[in-house]
């Protein structure tokens, strides 16, 4: 099933890798360098799925998850993080689920893990 996916990550290499993986799986991909850029995208056209890093400048992934939840969009969310500052990736990702993320992946993860998460999220649609 082809889906429109918004990939949000402030690390250009990670963002490109995620976008390429999604595109190779047959999805239409839009990229955003941070939450602020992603919000502009979300104001224009809603994707079927958002893949968002948690720690980013300007507007973080938790704010994106909250925005989508408040708008009641039905957009699925895959939260990703390797942790940061004083919190582990697991703690941050647990918070993301509590706030509305549908699935989580802890960085680093494999392309197979990404594809499995995408398949699970998109088959639930």
N, C-alpha and C. Protein backbone atom coordinates (compact mmCIF):
# COMPACT_ATOMS: atom_id res chain seq x y z
N UNK A 1 0.85 -1.19 0.00
CA UNK A 1 0.00 0.00 0.00
C UNK A 1 0.89 1.24 0.00
N UNK A 2 0.73 2.07 -1.02
CA UNK A 2 1.52 3.29 -1.08
C UNK A 2 0.91 4.34 -0.15
N UNK A 3 1.76 5.04 0.56
CA UNK A 3 1.30 6.07 1.48
C UNK A 3 2.12 7.34 1.29
N UNK A 4 1.56 8.45 1.74
CA UNK A 4 2.30 9.70 1.79
C UNK A 4 2.92 9.79 3.17
N UNK A 5 4.26 9.91 3.22
CA UNK A 5 4.99 9.90 4.48
C UNK A 5 5.80 11.18 4.63
N UNK A 6 5.67 11.81 5.79
CA UNK A 6 6.47 12.98 6.14
C UNK A 6 7.57 12.53 7.09
N UNK A 7 8.82 12.74 6.67
CA UNK A 7 9.98 12.36 7.47
C UNK A 7 10.57 13.62 8.09
N UNK A 8 10.65 13.66 9.43
CA UNK A 8 11.15 14.84 10.14
C UNK A 8 12.36 14.44 10.97
N UNK A 9 13.53 14.99 10.62
CA UNK A 9 14.74 14.76 11.41
C UNK A 9 15.72 15.88 11.11
N UNK A 10 16.35 16.42 12.15
CA UNK A 10 17.28 17.53 11.95
C UNK A 10 18.65 17.07 11.45
N UNK A 11 18.92 15.79 11.46
CA UNK A 11 20.17 15.25 10.93
C UNK A 11 19.95 14.90 9.46
N UNK A 12 20.58 15.65 8.54
CA UNK A 12 20.33 15.43 7.11
C UNK A 12 20.61 13.99 6.64
N UNK A 13 21.65 13.37 7.18
CA UNK A 13 21.98 11.99 6.78
C UNK A 13 20.90 11.01 7.21
N UNK A 14 20.41 11.15 8.44
CA UNK A 14 19.34 10.28 8.93
C UNK A 14 18.07 10.52 8.12
N UNK A 15 17.75 11.79 7.89
CA UNK A 15 16.53 12.15 7.15
C UNK A 15 16.57 11.55 5.73
N UNK A 16 17.70 11.71 5.07
CA UNK A 16 17.86 11.18 3.71
C UNK A 16 17.73 9.66 3.69
N UNK A 17 18.36 9.00 4.65
CA UNK A 17 18.30 7.54 4.73
C UNK A 17 16.87 7.06 4.94
N UNK A 18 16.16 7.70 5.86
CA UNK A 18 14.75 7.35 6.10
C UNK A 18 13.91 7.59 4.85
N UNK A 19 14.12 8.73 4.21
CA UNK A 19 13.34 9.08 3.02
C UNK A 19 13.60 8.07 1.90
N UNK A 20 14.87 7.71 1.70
CA UNK A 20 15.20 6.73 0.66
C UNK A 20 14.57 5.37 0.95
N UNK A 21 14.64 4.96 2.23
CA UNK A 21 14.04 3.67 2.60
C UNK A 21 12.55 3.65 2.34
N UNK A 22 11.87 4.74 2.67
CA UNK A 22 10.42 4.83 2.44
C UNK A 22 10.11 4.86 0.95
N UNK A 23 10.90 5.61 0.18
CA UNK A 23 10.68 5.71 -1.26
C UNK A 23 10.91 4.36 -1.93
N UNK A 24 11.94 3.64 -1.51
CA UNK A 24 12.22 2.30 -2.08
C UNK A 24 11.08 1.33 -1.80
N UNK A 25 10.37 1.56 -0.71
CA UNK A 25 9.22 0.72 -0.38
C UNK A 25 7.97 1.15 -1.15
N UNK A 26 8.12 2.17 -2.00
CA UNK A 26 7.01 2.60 -2.86
C UNK A 26 6.17 3.73 -2.34
N UNK A 27 6.65 4.42 -1.31
CA UNK A 27 5.86 5.50 -0.72
C UNK A 27 6.26 6.86 -1.29
N UNK A 28 5.33 7.79 -1.22
CA UNK A 28 5.56 9.18 -1.59
C UNK A 28 6.10 9.87 -0.34
N UNK A 29 7.29 10.47 -0.43
CA UNK A 29 7.97 10.99 0.75
C UNK A 29 8.20 12.49 0.66
N UNK A 30 7.93 13.18 1.77
CA UNK A 30 8.23 14.60 1.93
C UNK A 30 9.14 14.70 3.14
N UNK A 31 10.15 15.58 3.07
CA UNK A 31 11.11 15.72 4.17
C UNK A 31 10.98 17.09 4.83
N UNK A 32 11.27 17.12 6.13
CA UNK A 32 11.32 18.37 6.89
C UNK A 32 12.50 18.30 7.85
N UNK A 33 13.24 19.42 7.96
CA UNK A 33 14.46 19.45 8.76
C UNK A 33 14.20 19.63 10.25
N UNK A 34 13.00 20.06 10.62
CA UNK A 34 12.65 20.21 12.03
C UNK A 34 11.14 20.34 12.15
N UNK A 35 10.67 20.44 13.38
CA UNK A 35 9.23 20.51 13.60
C UNK A 35 8.57 21.73 13.00
N UNK A 36 9.28 22.84 12.97
CA UNK A 36 8.70 24.07 12.42
C UNK A 36 8.43 23.90 10.92
N UNK A 37 9.41 23.33 10.20
CA UNK A 37 9.22 23.06 8.78
C UNK A 37 8.12 22.02 8.57
N UNK A 38 8.06 21.04 9.46
CA UNK A 38 7.04 20.00 9.37
C UNK A 38 5.65 20.59 9.58
N UNK A 39 5.52 21.54 10.50
CA UNK A 39 4.22 22.17 10.76
C UNK A 39 3.71 22.84 9.49
N UNK A 40 4.60 23.50 8.75
CA UNK A 40 4.20 24.12 7.48
C UNK A 40 3.68 23.08 6.51
N UNK A 41 4.35 21.93 6.44
CA UNK A 41 3.90 20.83 5.59
C UNK A 41 2.52 20.33 6.04
N UNK A 42 2.37 20.15 7.35
CA UNK A 42 1.11 19.64 7.89
C UNK A 42 -0.04 20.61 7.68
N UNK A 43 0.27 21.90 7.62
CA UNK A 43 -0.76 22.91 7.36
C UNK A 43 -1.22 22.87 5.90
N UNK A 44 -0.37 22.32 5.03
CA UNK A 44 -0.65 22.26 3.60
C UNK A 44 -1.38 20.99 3.21
N UNK A 45 -0.79 19.85 3.57
CA UNK A 45 -1.37 18.56 3.21
C UNK A 45 -1.01 17.52 4.27
N UNK A 46 -2.01 16.79 4.73
CA UNK A 46 -1.77 15.78 5.76
C UNK A 46 -1.23 14.49 5.16
N UNK A 47 -0.14 13.98 5.71
CA UNK A 47 0.36 12.69 5.26
C UNK A 47 -0.42 11.55 5.93
N UNK A 48 -0.22 10.34 5.42
CA UNK A 48 -0.80 9.16 6.05
C UNK A 48 0.00 8.78 7.29
N UNK A 49 1.30 9.09 7.25
CA UNK A 49 2.22 8.69 8.31
C UNK A 49 3.29 9.76 8.50
N UNK A 50 3.62 10.01 9.75
CA UNK A 50 4.72 10.91 10.10
C UNK A 50 5.78 10.10 10.83
N UNK A 51 7.03 10.22 10.36
CA UNK A 51 8.16 9.66 11.09
C UNK A 51 8.89 10.86 11.67
N UNK A 52 8.94 10.96 12.98
CA UNK A 52 9.56 12.13 13.60
C UNK A 52 10.61 11.76 14.64
N UNK A 53 11.74 12.46 14.54
CA UNK A 53 12.73 12.40 15.60
C UNK A 53 12.13 13.16 16.78
N UNK A 54 12.61 12.87 17.97
CA UNK A 54 12.09 13.56 19.14
C UNK A 54 12.88 14.84 19.43
N UNK A 55 14.19 14.74 19.49
CA UNK A 55 15.01 15.92 19.81
C UNK A 55 15.39 16.67 18.54
N UNK A 56 14.81 17.88 18.38
CA UNK A 56 15.12 18.74 17.23
C UNK A 56 14.99 20.20 17.68
N UNK A 57 15.69 21.08 16.98
CA UNK A 57 15.55 22.51 17.28
C UNK A 57 14.21 23.05 16.76
N UNK A 58 13.86 24.23 17.22
CA UNK A 58 12.68 24.99 16.77
C UNK A 58 11.34 24.40 17.23
N UNK A 59 11.12 23.13 16.98
CA UNK A 59 9.88 22.47 17.41
C UNK A 59 10.22 20.99 17.42
N UNK A 60 10.09 20.33 18.58
CA UNK A 60 10.54 18.94 18.67
C UNK A 60 9.44 17.95 18.29
N UNK A 61 9.79 16.68 18.29
CA UNK A 61 8.86 15.63 17.90
C UNK A 61 7.66 15.50 18.81
N UNK A 62 7.85 15.75 20.10
CA UNK A 62 6.73 15.69 21.03
C UNK A 62 5.69 16.76 20.67
N UNK A 63 6.16 17.94 20.29
CA UNK A 63 5.23 19.00 19.87
C UNK A 63 4.48 18.60 18.60
N UNK A 64 5.14 17.91 17.69
CA UNK A 64 4.48 17.44 16.47
C UNK A 64 3.40 16.41 16.83
N UNK A 65 3.74 15.47 17.70
CA UNK A 65 2.77 14.46 18.13
C UNK A 65 1.56 15.13 18.78
N UNK A 66 1.80 16.11 19.65
CA UNK A 66 0.70 16.85 20.30
C UNK A 66 -0.16 17.58 19.27
N UNK A 67 0.47 18.21 18.29
CA UNK A 67 -0.24 18.93 17.25
C UNK A 67 -1.17 17.99 16.48
N UNK A 68 -0.65 16.84 16.08
CA UNK A 68 -1.47 15.88 15.34
C UNK A 68 -2.61 15.34 16.20
N UNK A 69 -2.32 15.07 17.47
CA UNK A 69 -3.36 14.56 18.36
C UNK A 69 -4.48 15.59 18.54
N UNK A 70 -4.10 16.85 18.75
CA UNK A 70 -5.11 17.90 18.95
C UNK A 70 -5.96 18.11 17.71
N UNK A 71 -5.36 17.96 16.54
CA UNK A 71 -6.11 18.14 15.29
C UNK A 71 -6.95 16.92 14.94
N UNK A 72 -6.74 15.82 15.66
CA UNK A 72 -7.48 14.57 15.40
C UNK A 72 -7.42 14.20 13.92
N UNK A 73 -6.21 14.13 13.39
CA UNK A 73 -6.01 13.90 11.96
C UNK A 73 -6.14 12.45 11.53
N UNK A 74 -5.88 11.52 12.41
CA UNK A 74 -5.85 10.12 12.01
C UNK A 74 -4.51 9.73 11.41
N UNK A 75 -3.59 10.68 11.31
CA UNK A 75 -2.25 10.41 10.80
C UNK A 75 -1.49 9.53 11.79
N UNK A 76 -0.90 8.45 11.31
CA UNK A 76 -0.10 7.57 12.15
C UNK A 76 1.25 8.23 12.44
N UNK A 77 1.81 7.94 13.62
CA UNK A 77 3.10 8.53 14.00
C UNK A 77 4.08 7.44 14.42
N UNK A 78 5.26 7.48 13.80
CA UNK A 78 6.39 6.63 14.20
C UNK A 78 7.42 7.56 14.80
N UNK A 79 7.64 7.45 16.11
CA UNK A 79 8.62 8.29 16.81
C UNK A 79 9.96 7.57 16.86
N UNK A 80 11.03 8.33 16.59
CA UNK A 80 12.38 7.75 16.63
C UNK A 80 13.27 8.62 17.50
N UNK A 81 14.20 7.97 18.21
CA UNK A 81 15.14 8.74 19.03
C UNK A 81 16.29 7.85 19.48
N UNK A 82 17.43 8.49 19.65
CA UNK A 82 18.58 7.82 20.24
C UNK A 82 18.81 8.34 21.64
N UNK A 83 17.91 9.17 22.12
CA UNK A 83 18.06 9.78 23.44
C UNK A 83 18.73 11.14 23.30
N UNK A 84 18.95 11.77 24.42
CA UNK A 84 19.57 13.08 24.39
C UNK A 84 19.57 13.69 25.77
N UNK A 85 20.43 14.64 25.96
CA UNK A 85 20.57 15.34 27.22
C UNK A 85 20.65 14.31 28.35
N UNK A 86 19.76 14.38 29.32
CA UNK A 86 19.87 13.50 30.48
C UNK A 86 18.93 12.30 30.40
N UNK A 87 18.25 12.13 29.26
CA UNK A 87 17.26 11.06 29.17
C UNK A 87 17.67 10.03 28.12
N UNK A 88 17.38 8.79 28.40
CA UNK A 88 17.68 7.74 27.43
C UNK A 88 16.63 7.74 26.33
N UNK A 89 16.97 7.12 25.22
CA UNK A 89 16.01 7.00 24.12
C UNK A 89 14.76 6.27 24.54
N UNK A 90 14.91 5.25 25.39
CA UNK A 90 13.74 4.49 25.84
C UNK A 90 12.78 5.35 26.64
N UNK A 91 13.29 6.20 27.52
CA UNK A 91 12.43 7.09 28.32
C UNK A 91 11.66 8.05 27.42
N UNK A 92 12.37 8.65 26.49
CA UNK A 92 11.76 9.63 25.59
C UNK A 92 10.71 8.97 24.71
N UNK A 93 11.02 7.79 24.20
CA UNK A 93 10.08 7.10 23.33
C UNK A 93 8.85 6.61 24.10
N UNK A 94 9.02 6.23 25.35
CA UNK A 94 7.88 5.87 26.19
C UNK A 94 6.96 7.07 26.34
N UNK A 95 7.54 8.25 26.57
CA UNK A 95 6.74 9.48 26.64
C UNK A 95 5.99 9.72 25.34
N UNK A 96 6.66 9.47 24.21
CA UNK A 96 6.04 9.69 22.90
C UNK A 96 4.80 8.82 22.74
N UNK A 97 4.87 7.57 23.17
CA UNK A 97 3.72 6.67 23.09
C UNK A 97 2.59 7.17 23.98
N UNK A 98 2.93 7.59 25.17
CA UNK A 98 1.90 8.11 26.09
C UNK A 98 1.19 9.32 25.50
N UNK A 99 1.91 10.09 24.69
CA UNK A 99 1.32 11.29 24.09
C UNK A 99 0.63 11.04 22.76
N UNK A 100 0.78 9.84 22.23
CA UNK A 100 0.03 9.54 21.01
C UNK A 100 0.79 8.91 19.86
N UNK A 101 2.09 8.67 19.98
CA UNK A 101 2.81 7.98 18.91
C UNK A 101 2.27 6.55 18.81
N UNK A 102 2.14 6.05 17.60
CA UNK A 102 1.59 4.72 17.38
C UNK A 102 2.65 3.63 17.47
N UNK A 103 3.89 4.00 17.16
CA UNK A 103 5.02 3.08 17.23
C UNK A 103 6.29 3.85 17.49
N UNK A 104 7.31 3.13 17.97
CA UNK A 104 8.60 3.76 18.25
C UNK A 104 9.74 2.90 17.72
N UNK A 105 10.84 3.56 17.37
CA UNK A 105 12.08 2.88 17.02
C UNK A 105 13.21 3.62 17.71
N UNK A 106 14.09 2.85 18.32
CA UNK A 106 15.25 3.43 19.00
C UNK A 106 16.42 3.44 18.02
N UNK A 107 17.03 4.62 17.84
CA UNK A 107 18.21 4.72 16.96
C UNK A 107 19.41 4.06 17.64
N UNK A 108 20.26 3.39 16.91
CA UNK A 108 20.15 3.09 15.48
C UNK A 108 19.24 1.89 15.25
N UNK A 109 18.56 1.88 14.10
CA UNK A 109 17.72 0.75 13.73
C UNK A 109 18.04 0.39 12.28
N UNK A 110 17.62 -0.80 11.89
CA UNK A 110 17.91 -1.28 10.54
C UNK A 110 16.79 -0.91 9.58
N UNK A 111 17.07 -1.01 8.29
CA UNK A 111 16.05 -0.76 7.28
C UNK A 111 14.93 -1.79 7.39
N UNK A 112 15.28 -3.02 7.76
CA UNK A 112 14.25 -4.05 7.97
C UNK A 112 13.32 -3.67 9.12
N UNK A 113 13.88 -3.13 10.20
CA UNK A 113 13.05 -2.70 11.33
C UNK A 113 12.14 -1.54 10.91
N UNK A 114 12.67 -0.61 10.12
CA UNK A 114 11.86 0.50 9.62
C UNK A 114 10.72 -0.03 8.76
N UNK A 115 11.04 -0.92 7.82
CA UNK A 115 10.02 -1.47 6.93
C UNK A 115 8.95 -2.24 7.69
N UNK A 116 9.35 -2.99 8.71
CA UNK A 116 8.37 -3.71 9.52
C UNK A 116 7.43 -2.75 10.24
N UNK A 117 8.00 -1.67 10.79
CA UNK A 117 7.18 -0.66 11.48
C UNK A 117 6.22 0.01 10.50
N UNK A 118 6.71 0.36 9.30
CA UNK A 118 5.85 0.97 8.28
C UNK A 118 4.72 0.04 7.89
N UNK A 119 5.06 -1.22 7.63
CA UNK A 119 4.04 -2.20 7.24
C UNK A 119 2.96 -2.33 8.31
N UNK A 120 3.41 -2.43 9.58
CA UNK A 120 2.45 -2.58 10.68
C UNK A 120 1.55 -1.35 10.79
N UNK A 121 2.14 -0.17 10.71
CA UNK A 121 1.36 1.06 10.86
C UNK A 121 0.38 1.25 9.70
N UNK A 122 0.83 0.98 8.49
CA UNK A 122 0.00 1.24 7.32
C UNK A 122 -1.06 0.16 7.13
N UNK A 123 -0.83 -1.04 7.63
CA UNK A 123 -1.84 -2.07 7.52
C UNK A 123 -2.97 -1.86 8.53
N UNK A 124 -2.70 -1.06 9.57
CA UNK A 124 -3.71 -0.73 10.57
C UNK A 124 -4.65 0.38 10.11
N UNK A 125 -4.29 1.02 9.01
CA UNK A 125 -5.02 2.23 8.57
C UNK A 125 -6.46 1.96 8.21
